[in-house]
Amino acid sequence: MARTVADAAALLSVVAGPDPADPVTQLDADRPKVDYARFLDRHGLRGARIGVFRQYFNDAKTDPEVKAVTEEALHALQQEGAVLVDPFSIPDYDAMERSWTAATFRPI
């Protein structure tokens, strides 16, 4: 979690890269460090199409505060130029969701 996208980019710049305790990440040890902040674009949301999957969060079980914060975030995205596809839906989502169980997921 981060307060801003700039904070998240700064954090990613620090934590991305090889881990001395992980041999798999050593395969990329020669790669130069990346400053992810250089990819920040103040107007990066302009024209971005973002689907609003209301089936997931807009039901009687959802906390009203969560709904309110979500609506505020959606409004902020629009203010920054994003195009909301609202609502975005997945056909037969309710039936699909009911069929999910913990047994569906396998440990890696």
Protein backbone atom coordinates (compact mmCIF):
# COMPACT_ATOMS: atom_id res chain seq x y z
CA MET A 1 0.00 0.00 0.00
CA ALA A 2 1.11 3.52 -0.72
CA ARG A 3 -0.33 6.99 -0.33
CA THR A 4 0.32 7.93 -3.94
CA VAL A 5 1.34 6.38 -7.23
CA ALA A 6 4.65 8.23 -6.91
CA ASP A 7 5.24 6.56 -3.53
CA ALA A 8 4.43 3.16 -5.05
CA ALA A 9 6.86 3.79 -7.93
CA ALA A 10 9.61 4.79 -5.50
CA LEU A 11 9.01 1.68 -3.42
CA LEU A 12 9.05 -0.56 -6.48
CA SER A 13 12.34 0.99 -7.58
CA VAL A 14 13.86 -0.04 -4.24
CA VAL A 15 12.44 -3.55 -3.90
CA ALA A 16 12.61 -4.69 -7.54
CA GLY A 17 15.65 -6.68 -8.48
CA PRO A 18 17.59 -9.72 -7.44
CA ASP A 19 17.33 -11.18 -3.95
CA PRO A 20 20.59 -12.72 -2.72
CA ALA A 21 18.59 -15.45 -0.98
CA ASP A 22 16.66 -16.39 -4.15
CA PRO A 23 18.69 -18.10 -6.87
CA VAL A 24 15.98 -17.59 -9.49
CA THR A 25 16.21 -13.81 -9.19
CA GLN A 26 19.97 -14.04 -9.63
CA LEU A 27 19.31 -14.85 -13.29
CA ASP A 28 18.54 -11.14 -13.75
CA ALA A 29 21.34 -9.86 -11.50
CA ASP A 30 23.04 -8.15 -14.46
CA ARG A 31 20.02 -6.03 -15.34
CA PRO A 32 20.37 -2.35 -14.60
CA LYS A 33 18.27 -0.86 -11.80
CA VAL A 34 15.06 0.74 -13.01
CA ASP A 35 13.69 4.00 -11.66
CA TYR A 36 9.96 3.36 -12.05
CA ALA A 37 9.18 6.99 -11.24
CA ARG A 38 10.40 7.93 -14.72
CA PHE A 39 7.36 6.15 -16.17
CA LEU A 40 4.87 8.27 -14.24
CA ASP A 41 2.61 10.33 -16.46
CA ARG A 42 0.45 12.98 -14.80
CA HIS A 43 -2.10 12.59 -17.59
CA GLY A 44 -1.78 8.83 -18.01
CA LEU A 45 -5.46 8.13 -17.37
CA ARG A 46 -6.71 10.27 -20.24
CA GLY A 47 -8.65 8.00 -22.54
CA ALA A 48 -7.97 4.85 -20.48
CA ARG A 49 -10.99 2.53 -20.55
CA ILE A 50 -11.67 1.05 -17.13
CA GLY A 51 -14.37 -1.55 -16.54
CA VAL A 52 -16.47 -1.10 -13.40
CA PHE A 53 -17.39 -4.60 -12.24
CA ARG A 54 -20.36 -3.67 -10.04
CA GLN A 55 -21.47 -7.30 -9.72
CA TYR A 56 -18.48 -7.78 -7.43
CA PHE A 57 -18.98 -4.93 -4.98
CA ASN A 58 -22.50 -3.59 -5.35
CA ASP A 59 -24.68 -5.94 -3.32
CA ALA A 60 -26.42 -5.96 0.06
CA LYS A 61 -23.39 -7.49 1.82
CA THR A 62 -21.01 -4.70 0.82
CA ASP A 63 -20.24 -2.19 3.56
CA PRO A 64 -21.77 1.22 2.69
CA GLU A 65 -18.45 2.93 3.43
CA VAL A 66 -16.70 0.67 0.93
CA LYS A 67 -19.33 1.56 -1.67
CA ALA A 68 -18.90 5.27 -0.96
CA VAL A 69 -15.10 5.14 -1.22
CA THR A 70 -15.39 3.13 -4.43
CA GLU A 71 -17.74 5.70 -5.95
CA GLU A 72 -15.35 8.50 -4.94
CA ALA A 73 -12.48 6.66 -6.60
CA LEU A 74 -14.51 6.13 -9.78
CA HIS A 75 -15.35 9.83 -9.84
CA ALA A 76 -11.65 10.72 -9.40
CA LEU A 77 -10.72 8.40 -12.29
CA GLN A 78 -13.26 10.17 -14.52
CA GLN A 79 -11.97 13.58 -13.43
CA GLU A 80 -8.52 12.50 -14.60
CA GLY A 81 -9.87 11.56 -18.03
CA ALA A 82 -10.58 7.85 -17.71
CA VAL A 83 -13.52 6.45 -19.65
CA LEU A 84 -15.55 4.17 -17.38
CA VAL A 85 -17.26 1.17 -18.89
CA ASP A 86 -19.99 1.16 -16.28
CA PRO A 87 -21.20 -1.37 -15.64
CA PHE A 88 -18.90 -4.03 -16.98
CA SER A 89 -20.40 -7.48 -16.56
CA ILE A 90 -19.40 -11.08 -16.92
CA PRO A 91 -22.19 -13.30 -18.25
CA ASP A 92 -23.29 -15.95 -15.74
CA TYR A 93 -20.94 -14.52 -13.11
CA ASP A 94 -23.31 -15.31 -10.21
CA ALA A 95 -23.52 -18.98 -11.18
CA MET A 96 -19.80 -19.14 -11.76
CA GLU A 97 -19.09 -17.57 -8.36
CA ARG A 98 -21.34 -20.08 -6.59
CA SER A 99 -19.36 -22.94 -8.15
CA TRP A 100 -16.05 -21.75 -6.67
CA THR A 101 -14.74 -23.60 -3.66
CA ALA A 102 -11.45 -23.66 -1.85
CA ALA A 103 -10.85 -27.03 -3.49
CA THR A 104 -10.73 -25.25 -6.86
CA PHE A 105 -7.35 -23.77 -5.99
CA ARG A 106 -4.22 -25.92 -5.93
CA PRO A 107 -1.10 -25.15 -3.96
CA ILE A 108 1.90 -24.45 -6.16
